[in-house]
Amino acid sequence: MAHNTTTDDDSTDESTAKRALILASGGMDSATAAYEAQEQGYEPYFMHTSYGQRTEGKEFECAKRQADELDVSFLHVETSHLATIGGSSLTDDEMAVEDADLDSEEVPDTYVPFRNANLLSMAVSCAEANDCDAVFIGAHSEDFSGYPDCRPAFFEAFQQVVNVGTKDDTTIDLVAPFVEWSKTDIAERGTDLGVPYEFTWSCYREEEPACGTCDACAFRLQAFQNIGVRDPIEYEKRPNY
């Protein structure tokens, strides 16, 4: 676990440092959230979940590398229940991942039913067990246009669940710092913070190279194109969006 740097004027030590559980997917949004948490004075603690998603090996590799770059603790939780339940092209090999449609307002086939409630429940358990003061999640506005469990109202409601469902002396803030931001805003902020985007993965279909044509690749490529920075990962196709 990395410790806050101290100076003669800052006597913060491990016992008083704020700690943040980062729900680390391996993607660029959660990676940026980790660096944002650190910028806000939190000591990050990574938790990554594998739940049977198509690219779980690559996502794990990226999340672990991000934790190594930040020199912070890393917990890997493996659970197959979301894949067993099914209902999403991310976890069901018999369902094809659709090509990107950036203007669609429909819930995409990549929606994993109630996934964030499942993942946040595990994150809060980990946060409470490890004396963390906050849980950070990288959801943003372009997510909640299609995914119901990325809406601001969902996180507000889940905060109440955390407040009621943890010990009386436990205080854990659920932080979605980019919930009103676009993917472009996140890319710009992360570039300013020095996030190593070469160690992140967004593609829904492939573990390398990224396909370049699924929703996740399209939003990511568009964000980098909007800020005039070349996305550092490899793509099978690199369309202009």
C-alpha atoms as a PDB file:
ATOM      1  CA  MET A   1       0.000   0.000   0.000  1.00  0.00           C
ATOM      2  CA  ALA A   2       1.360   3.386  -0.963  1.00  0.00           C
ATOM      3  CA  HIS A   3       1.568   5.984   1.796  1.00  0.00           C
ATOM      4  CA  ASN A   4       0.943   9.692   1.536  1.00  0.00           C
ATOM      5  CA  THR A   5       4.115  11.709   1.185  1.00  0.00           C
ATOM      6  CA  THR A   6       4.791  13.712   4.338  1.00  0.00           C
ATOM      7  CA  THR A   7       6.625  16.958   4.871  1.00  0.00           C
ATOM      8  CA  ASP A   8       7.482  19.051   7.925  1.00  0.00           C
ATOM      9  CA  ASP A   9       4.118  20.761   7.479  1.00  0.00           C
ATOM     10  CA  ASP A  10       2.129  17.599   6.846  1.00  0.00           C
ATOM     11  CA  SER A  11       2.254  14.967   9.529  1.00  0.00           C
ATOM     12  CA  THR A  12      -0.372  12.714   7.914  1.00  0.00           C
ATOM     13  CA  ASP A  13       0.484   9.066   8.531  1.00  0.00           C
ATOM     14  CA  GLU A  14      -1.025   5.709   7.652  1.00  0.00           C
ATOM     15  CA  SER A  15      -3.337   5.752  10.658  1.00  0.00           C
ATOM     16  CA  THR A  16      -5.008   9.024   9.612  1.00  0.00           C
ATOM     17  CA  ALA A  17      -4.786   8.865   5.814  1.00  0.00           C
ATOM     18  CA  LYS A  18      -8.054   8.617   3.941  1.00  0.00           C
ATOM     19  CA  ARG A  19      -8.393   5.372   2.009  1.00  0.00           C
ATOM     20  CA  ALA A  20     -10.513   4.784  -1.071  1.00  0.00           C
ATOM     21  CA  LEU A  21     -11.601   1.434  -2.463  1.00  0.00           C
ATOM     22  CA  ILE A  22     -11.363   1.697  -6.254  1.00  0.00           C
ATOM     23  CA  LEU A  23     -13.758  -0.558  -8.154  1.00  0.00           C
ATOM     24  CA  ALA A  24     -11.114  -1.207 -10.792  1.00  0.00           C
ATOM     25  CA  SER A  25     -12.405  -2.711 -14.026  1.00  0.00           C
ATOM     26  CA  GLY A  26      -9.132  -2.362 -15.916  1.00  0.00           C
ATOM     27  CA  GLY A  27     -10.725   0.286 -18.119  1.00  0.00           C
ATOM     28  CA  MET A  28      -9.874   3.939 -18.631  1.00  0.00           C
ATOM     29  CA  ASP A  29     -12.741   5.311 -16.527  1.00  0.00           C
ATOM     30  CA  SER A  30     -11.881   3.439 -13.336  1.00  0.00           C
ATOM     31  CA  ALA A  31      -8.162   4.049 -13.895  1.00  0.00           C
ATOM     32  CA  THR A  32      -8.862   7.767 -14.116  1.00  0.00           C
ATOM     33  CA  ALA A  33     -11.047   7.509 -11.004  1.00  0.00           C
ATOM     34  CA  ALA A  34      -8.094   5.973  -9.134  1.00  0.00           C
ATOM     35  CA  TYR A  35      -5.821   8.850 -10.072  1.00  0.00           C
ATOM     36  CA  GLU A  36      -8.602  11.313  -9.244  1.00  0.00           C
ATOM     37  CA  ALA A  37      -8.972   9.706  -5.808  1.00  0.00           C
ATOM     38  CA  GLN A  38      -5.246  10.042  -5.227  1.00  0.00           C
ATOM     39  CA  GLU A  39      -5.398  13.668  -6.355  1.00  0.00           C
ATOM     40  CA  GLN A  40      -8.137  14.245  -3.774  1.00  0.00           C
ATOM     41  CA  GLY A  41      -5.888  12.929  -1.014  1.00  0.00           C
ATOM     42  CA  TYR A  42      -7.067   9.334  -0.816  1.00  0.00           C
ATOM     43  CA  GLU A  43      -4.822   6.308  -0.616  1.00  0.00           C
ATOM     44  CA  PRO A  44      -6.201   3.935  -3.295  1.00  0.00           C
ATOM     45  CA  TYR A  45      -6.988   0.287  -2.630  1.00  0.00           C
ATOM     46  CA  PHE A  46      -7.875  -1.662  -5.785  1.00  0.00           C
ATOM     47  CA  MET A  47     -10.589  -4.312  -6.032  1.00  0.00           C
ATOM     48  CA  HIS A  48     -11.056  -6.036  -9.399  1.00  0.00           C
ATOM     49  CA  THR A  49     -13.815  -8.502 -10.189  1.00  0.00           C
ATOM     50  CA  SER A  50     -13.939 -11.247 -12.813  1.00  0.00           C
ATOM     51  CA  TYR A  51     -17.510 -12.331 -13.473  1.00  0.00           C
ATOM     52  CA  GLY A  52     -17.242 -14.250 -16.743  1.00  0.00           C
ATOM     53  CA  GLN A  53     -17.015 -11.276 -19.093  1.00  0.00           C
ATOM     54  CA  ARG A  54     -15.503 -11.940 -22.538  1.00  0.00           C
ATOM     55  CA  THR A  55     -12.289 -10.016 -21.913  1.00  0.00           C
ATOM     56  CA  GLU A  56     -11.817 -10.857 -18.240  1.00  0.00           C
ATOM     57  CA  GLY A  57      -8.191 -11.981 -18.690  1.00  0.00           C
ATOM     58  CA  LYS A  58      -7.132  -8.722 -20.311  1.00  0.00           C
ATOM     59  CA  GLU A  59      -9.132  -6.632 -17.863  1.00  0.00           C
ATOM     60  CA  PHE A  60      -7.475  -8.391 -14.917  1.00  0.00           C
ATOM     61  CA  GLU A  61      -4.034  -7.872 -16.450  1.00  0.00           C
ATOM     62  CA  CYS A  62      -4.684  -4.156 -16.917  1.00  0.00           C
ATOM     63  CA  ALA A  63      -6.180  -3.599 -13.462  1.00  0.00           C
ATOM     64  CA  LYS A  64      -3.232  -5.371 -11.828  1.00  0.00           C
ATOM     65  CA  ARG A  65      -0.746  -3.309 -13.865  1.00  0.00           C
ATOM     66  CA  GLN A  66      -2.501  -0.088 -12.839  1.00  0.00           C
ATOM     67  CA  ALA A  67      -2.249  -1.082  -9.177  1.00  0.00           C
ATOM     68  CA  ASP A  68       1.444  -1.839  -9.664  1.00  0.00           C
ATOM     69  CA  GLU A  69       1.972   1.562 -11.298  1.00  0.00           C
ATOM     70  CA  LEU A  70       0.388   3.254  -8.278  1.00  0.00           C
ATOM     71  CA  ASP A  71       2.097   0.822  -5.858  1.00  0.00           C
ATOM     72  CA  VAL A  72      -1.155   0.046  -4.050  1.00  0.00           C
ATOM     73  CA  SER A  73      -2.892  -3.036  -2.685  1.00  0.00           C
ATOM     74  CA  PHE A  74      -4.869  -5.173  -5.121  1.00  0.00           C
ATOM     75  CA  LEU A  75      -7.677  -7.617  -4.396  1.00  0.00           C
ATOM     76  CA  HIS A  76      -9.005  -9.919  -7.132  1.00  0.00           C
ATOM     77  CA  VAL A  77     -12.486 -11.356  -6.587  1.00  0.00           C
ATOM     78  CA  GLU A  78     -13.667 -14.109  -8.918  1.00  0.00           C
ATOM     79  CA  THR A  79     -17.381 -14.776  -9.208  1.00  0.00           C
ATOM     80  CA  SER A  80     -19.295 -16.510 -11.953  1.00  0.00           C
ATOM     81  CA  HIS A  81     -22.852 -15.813 -10.878  1.00  0.00           C
ATOM     82  CA  LEU A  82     -23.444 -12.939 -13.328  1.00  0.00           C
ATOM     83  CA  ALA A  83     -22.376 -15.169 -16.213  1.00  0.00           C
ATOM     84  CA  THR A  84     -24.530 -18.009 -14.891  1.00  0.00           C
ATOM     85  CA  ILE A  85     -27.539 -15.690 -14.720  1.00  0.00           C
ATOM     86  CA  GLY A  86     -26.837 -14.489 -18.278  1.00  0.00           C
ATOM     87  CA  GLY A  87     -28.830 -11.937 -20.229  1.00  0.00           C
ATOM     88  CA  SER A  88     -25.860 -10.016 -21.628  1.00  0.00           C
ATOM     89  CA  SER A  89     -23.599 -10.345 -24.650  1.00  0.00           C
ATOM     90  CA  LEU A  90     -20.662  -9.634 -22.324  1.00  0.00           C
ATOM     91  CA  THR A  91     -21.184 -12.936 -20.526  1.00  0.00           C
ATOM     92  CA  ASP A  92     -23.075 -15.109 -23.043  1.00  0.00           C
ATOM     93  CA  ASP A  93     -21.001 -16.488 -25.921  1.00  0.00           C
ATOM     94  CA  GLU A  94     -24.168 -17.247 -27.876  1.00  0.00           C
ATOM     95  CA  MET A  95     -25.021 -13.533 -28.050  1.00  0.00           C
ATOM     96  CA  ALA A  96     -23.043 -11.356 -30.459  1.00  0.00           C
ATOM     97  CA  VAL A  97     -21.736  -7.976 -29.294  1.00  0.00           C
ATOM     98  CA  GLU A  98     -23.407  -5.366 -31.481  1.00  0.00           C
ATOM     99  CA  ASP A  99     -21.475  -2.776 -33.470  1.00  0.00           C
ATOM    100  CA  ALA A 100     -21.365   0.721 -32.052  1.00  0.00           C
ATOM    101  CA  ASP A 101     -24.405   2.982 -32.264  1.00  0.00           C
ATOM    102  CA  LEU A 102     -23.369   6.132 -30.449  1.00  0.00           C
ATOM    103  CA  ASP A 103     -26.734   7.824 -30.975  1.00  0.00           C
ATOM    104  CA  SER A 104     -28.889   5.014 -29.606  1.00  0.00           C
ATOM    105  CA  GLU A 105     -30.851   5.624 -26.401  1.00  0.00           C
ATOM    106  CA  GLU A 106     -31.836   1.970 -26.034  1.00  0.00           C
ATOM    107  CA  VAL A 107     -30.347  -0.266 -23.353  1.00  0.00           C
ATOM    108  CA  PRO A 108     -27.575  -2.121 -25.257  1.00  0.00           C
ATOM    109  CA  ASP A 109     -27.156  -5.895 -25.315  1.00  0.00           C
ATOM    110  CA  THR A 110     -23.926  -5.440 -23.333  1.00  0.00           C
ATOM    111  CA  TYR A 111     -25.955  -4.420 -20.265  1.00  0.00           C
ATOM    112  CA  VAL A 112     -25.340  -6.968 -17.507  1.00  0.00           C
ATOM    113  CA  PRO A 113     -28.548  -7.005 -15.438  1.00  0.00           C
ATOM    114  CA  PHE A 114     -28.038  -5.064 -12.189  1.00  0.00           C
ATOM    115  CA  ARG A 115     -24.272  -5.572 -12.418  1.00  0.00           C
ATOM    116  CA  ASN A 116     -23.228  -2.424 -10.611  1.00  0.00           C
ATOM    117  CA  ALA A 117     -25.357  -3.265  -7.592  1.00  0.00           C
ATOM    118  CA  ASN A 118     -23.608  -6.634  -7.410  1.00  0.00           C
ATOM    119  CA  LEU A 119     -20.121  -5.158  -7.821  1.00  0.00           C
ATOM    120  CA  LEU A 120     -20.735  -2.237  -5.481  1.00  0.00           C
ATOM    121  CA  SER A 121     -22.025  -4.609  -2.805  1.00  0.00           C
ATOM    122  CA  MET A 122     -18.711  -6.475  -2.918  1.00  0.00           C
ATOM    123  CA  ALA A 123     -16.801  -3.188  -3.005  1.00  0.00           C
ATOM    124  CA  VAL A 124     -18.579  -1.876   0.079  1.00  0.00           C
ATOM    125  CA  SER A 125     -17.922  -5.151   1.907  1.00  0.00           C
ATOM    126  CA  CYS A 126     -14.236  -4.801   1.065  1.00  0.00           C
ATOM    127  CA  ALA A 127     -14.205  -1.130   2.000  1.00  0.00           C
ATOM    128  CA  GLU A 128     -15.777  -1.770   5.389  1.00  0.00           C
ATOM    129  CA  ALA A 129     -13.460  -4.713   6.108  1.00  0.00           C
ATOM    130  CA  ASN A 130     -10.398  -2.624   5.244  1.00  0.00           C
ATOM    131  CA  ASP A 131     -11.368   0.669   6.914  1.00  0.00           C
ATOM    132  CA  CYS A 132     -11.799   2.585   3.680  1.00  0.00           C
ATOM    133  CA  ASP A 133     -13.518   5.952   3.755  1.00  0.00           C
ATOM    134  CA  ALA A 134     -14.890   5.890   0.208  1.00  0.00           C
ATOM    135  CA  VAL A 135     -15.689   3.695  -2.763  1.00  0.00           C
ATOM    136  CA  PHE A 136     -14.873   5.189  -6.168  1.00  0.00           C
ATOM    137  CA  ILE A 137     -16.560   4.052  -9.392  1.00  0.00           C
ATOM    138  CA  GLY A 138     -15.791   5.440 -12.852  1.00  0.00           C
ATOM    139  CA  ALA A 139     -19.337   5.582 -14.305  1.00  0.00           C
ATOM    140  CA  HIS A 140     -20.108   8.629 -16.459  1.00  0.00           C
ATOM    141  CA  SER A 141     -22.938  10.352 -18.318  1.00  0.00           C
ATOM    142  CA  GLU A 142     -22.579   8.425 -21.580  1.00  0.00           C
ATOM    143  CA  ASP A 143     -22.912   5.223 -19.547  1.00  0.00           C
ATOM    144  CA  PHE A 144     -26.179   6.156 -17.900  1.00  0.00           C
ATOM    145  CA  SER A 145     -27.767   7.091 -21.217  1.00  0.00           C
ATOM    146  CA  GLY A 146     -27.866   3.344 -21.880  1.00  0.00           C
ATOM    147  CA  TYR A 147     -27.192   1.583 -18.577  1.00  0.00           C
ATOM    148  CA  PRO A 148     -29.814   2.106 -15.850  1.00  0.00           C
ATOM    149  CA  ASP A 149     -27.390   1.209 -13.046  1.00  0.00           C
ATOM    150  CA  CYS A 150     -25.095   4.094 -14.017  1.00  0.00           C
ATOM    151  CA  ARG A 151     -27.654   6.853 -13.423  1.00  0.00           C
ATOM    152  CA  PRO A 152     -26.994   9.458 -10.716  1.00  0.00           C
ATOM    153  CA  ALA A 153     -30.240   8.414  -9.000  1.00  0.00           C
ATOM    154  CA  PHE A 154     -28.920   4.847  -8.722  1.00  0.00           C
ATOM    155  CA  PHE A 155     -25.760   5.982  -6.921  1.00  0.00           C
ATOM    156  CA  GLU A 156     -27.748   8.277  -4.638  1.00  0.00           C
ATOM    157  CA  ALA A 157     -30.032   5.379  -3.715  1.00  0.00           C
ATOM    158  CA  PHE A 158     -27.101   3.011  -3.238  1.00  0.00           C
ATOM    159  CA  GLN A 159     -25.489   5.513  -0.875  1.00  0.00           C
ATOM    160  CA  GLN A 160     -28.555   5.147   1.318  1.00  0.00           C
ATOM    161  CA  VAL A 161     -28.172   1.360   1.200  1.00  0.00           C
ATOM    162  CA  VAL A 162     -24.559   1.766   2.339  1.00  0.00           C
ATOM    163  CA  ASN A 163     -25.564   4.107   5.147  1.00  0.00           C
ATOM    164  CA  VAL A 164     -28.256   1.765   6.444  1.00  0.00           C
ATOM    165  CA  GLY A 165     -26.496  -1.537   5.806  1.00  0.00           C
ATOM    166  CA  THR A 166     -23.101  -0.951   7.466  1.00  0.00           C
ATOM    167  CA  LYS A 167     -22.091  -0.634  11.103  1.00  0.00           C
ATOM    168  CA  ASP A 168     -23.212   2.492  12.928  1.00  0.00           C
ATOM    169  CA  ASP A 169     -19.625   3.698  13.280  1.00  0.00           C
ATOM    170  CA  THR A 170     -18.866   3.086   9.584  1.00  0.00           C
ATOM    171  CA  THR A 171     -18.890   5.984   7.137  1.00  0.00           C
ATOM    172  CA  ILE A 172     -18.271   5.112   3.500  1.00  0.00           C
ATOM    173  CA  ASP A 173     -18.900   7.658   0.761  1.00  0.00           C
ATOM    174  CA  LEU A 174     -19.891   6.310  -2.643  1.00  0.00           C
ATOM    175  CA  VAL A 175     -18.060   8.547  -5.121  1.00  0.00           C
ATOM    176  CA  ALA A 176     -18.784   8.627  -8.855  1.00  0.00           C
ATOM    177  CA  PRO A 177     -16.609  11.634  -9.735  1.00  0.00           C
ATOM    178  CA  PHE A 178     -17.411  11.575 -13.456  1.00  0.00           C
ATOM    179  CA  VAL A 179     -21.126  10.826 -13.342  1.00  0.00           C
ATOM    180  CA  GLU A 180     -21.966  14.098 -15.101  1.00  0.00           C
ATOM    181  CA  TRP A 181     -18.904  13.996 -17.392  1.00  0.00           C
ATOM    182  CA  SER A 182     -18.471  12.778 -20.943  1.00  0.00           C
ATOM    183  CA  LYS A 183     -15.853  10.250 -22.006  1.00  0.00           C
ATOM    184  CA  THR A 184     -13.987  13.144 -23.605  1.00  0.00           C
ATOM    185  CA  ASP A 185     -13.918  14.980 -20.261  1.00  0.00           C
ATOM    186  CA  ILE A 186     -12.478  11.875 -18.611  1.00  0.00           C
ATOM    187  CA  ALA A 187      -9.786  11.430 -21.270  1.00  0.00           C
ATOM    188  CA  GLU A 188      -8.777  15.059 -20.890  1.00  0.00           C
ATOM    189  CA  ARG A 189      -8.669  14.874 -17.096  1.00  0.00           C
ATOM    190  CA  GLY A 190      -6.762  11.591 -17.134  1.00  0.00           C
ATOM    191  CA  THR A 191      -4.214  12.961 -19.590  1.00  0.00           C
ATOM    192  CA  ASP A 192      -3.647  15.902 -17.241  1.00  0.00           C
ATOM    193  CA  LEU A 193      -3.238  13.494 -14.303  1.00  0.00           C
ATOM    194  CA  GLY A 194      -0.809  11.267 -16.193  1.00  0.00           C
ATOM    195  CA  VAL A 195      -2.987   8.149 -16.237  1.00  0.00           C
ATOM    196  CA  PRO A 196      -1.101   5.383 -18.119  1.00  0.00           C
ATOM    197  CA  TYR A 197      -3.836   4.634 -20.635  1.00  0.00           C
ATOM    198  CA  GLU A 198      -1.597   2.108 -22.378  1.00  0.00           C
ATOM    199  CA  PHE A 199      -2.417  -0.173 -19.418  1.00  0.00           C
ATOM    200  CA  THR A 200      -6.206   0.107 -19.776  1.00  0.00           C
ATOM    201  CA  TRP A 201      -8.723  -1.918 -21.763  1.00  0.00           C
ATOM    202  CA  SER A 202     -12.218  -1.058 -22.966  1.00  0.00           C
ATOM    203  CA  CYS A 203     -13.073  -3.458 -25.806  1.00  0.00           C
ATOM    204  CA  TYR A 204     -16.132  -5.636 -25.224  1.00  0.00           C
ATOM    205  CA  ARG A 205     -15.167  -8.238 -27.834  1.00  0.00           C
ATOM    206  CA  GLU A 206     -11.459  -8.991 -27.941  1.00  0.00           C
ATOM    207  CA  GLU A 207      -8.464  -9.285 -25.619  1.00  0.00           C
ATOM    208  CA  GLU A 208      -5.983  -7.955 -28.216  1.00  0.00           C
ATOM    209  CA  PRO A 209      -6.090  -6.117 -30.422  1.00  0.00           C
ATOM    210  CA  ALA A 210      -9.208  -4.168 -29.516  1.00  0.00           C
ATOM    211  CA  CYS A 211     -11.873  -4.431 -32.212  1.00  0.00           C
ATOM    212  CA  GLY A 212     -12.397  -0.678 -32.651  1.00  0.00           C
ATOM    213  CA  THR A 213     -16.070  -1.079 -33.583  1.00  0.00           C
ATOM    214  CA  CYS A 214     -18.002  -2.028 -30.433  1.00  0.00           C
ATOM    215  CA  ASP A 215     -19.641   0.689 -28.308  1.00  0.00           C
ATOM    216  CA  ALA A 216     -16.832   0.735 -25.757  1.00  0.00           C
ATOM    217  CA  CYS A 217     -14.112   1.083 -28.395  1.00  0.00           C
ATOM    218  CA  ALA A 218     -16.087   3.741 -30.258  1.00  0.00           C
ATOM    219  CA  PHE A 219     -16.667   5.972 -27.239  1.00  0.00           C
ATOM    220  CA  ARG A 220     -13.034   5.577 -26.221  1.00  0.00           C
ATOM    221  CA  LEU A 221     -11.594   6.327 -29.664  1.00  0.00           C
ATOM    222  CA  GLN A 222     -13.942   9.281 -30.082  1.00  0.00           C
ATOM    223  CA  ALA A 223     -12.802  10.716 -26.730  1.00  0.00           C
ATOM    224  CA  PHE A 224      -9.137  10.570 -27.656  1.00  0.00           C
ATOM    225  CA  GLN A 225      -9.861  11.973 -31.107  1.00  0.00           C
ATOM    226  CA  ASN A 226     -11.771  14.857 -29.516  1.00  0.00           C
ATOM    227  CA  ILE A 227      -8.766  15.864 -27.384  1.00  0.00           C
ATOM    228  CA  GLY A 228      -6.244  15.340 -30.184  1.00  0.00           C
ATOM    229  CA  VAL A 229      -4.344  12.520 -28.465  1.00  0.00           C
ATOM    230  CA  ARG A 230      -3.675   9.105 -30.041  1.00  0.00           C
ATOM    231  CA  ASP A 231      -5.114   6.263 -28.011  1.00  0.00           C
ATOM    232  CA  PRO A 232      -2.027   4.207 -27.042  1.00  0.00           C
ATOM    233  CA  ILE A 233      -3.577   0.729 -27.258  1.00  0.00           C
ATOM    234  CA  GLU A 234      -3.700  -1.391 -30.431  1.00  0.00           C
ATOM    235  CA  TYR A 235      -6.853  -1.710 -32.537  1.00  0.00           C
ATOM    236  CA  GLU A 236      -7.864  -4.058 -35.326  1.00  0.00           C
ATOM    237  CA  LYS A 237      -9.677  -1.089 -36.858  1.00  0.00           C
ATOM    238  CA  ARG A 238      -9.295   2.544 -35.823  1.00  0.00           C
ATOM    239  CA  PRO A 239     -12.280   4.409 -37.345  1.00  0.00           C
ATOM    240  CA  ASN A 240     -12.853   8.124 -36.979  1.00  0.00           C
ATOM    241  CA  TYR A 241     -15.877   8.806 -34.803  1.00  0.00           C
END
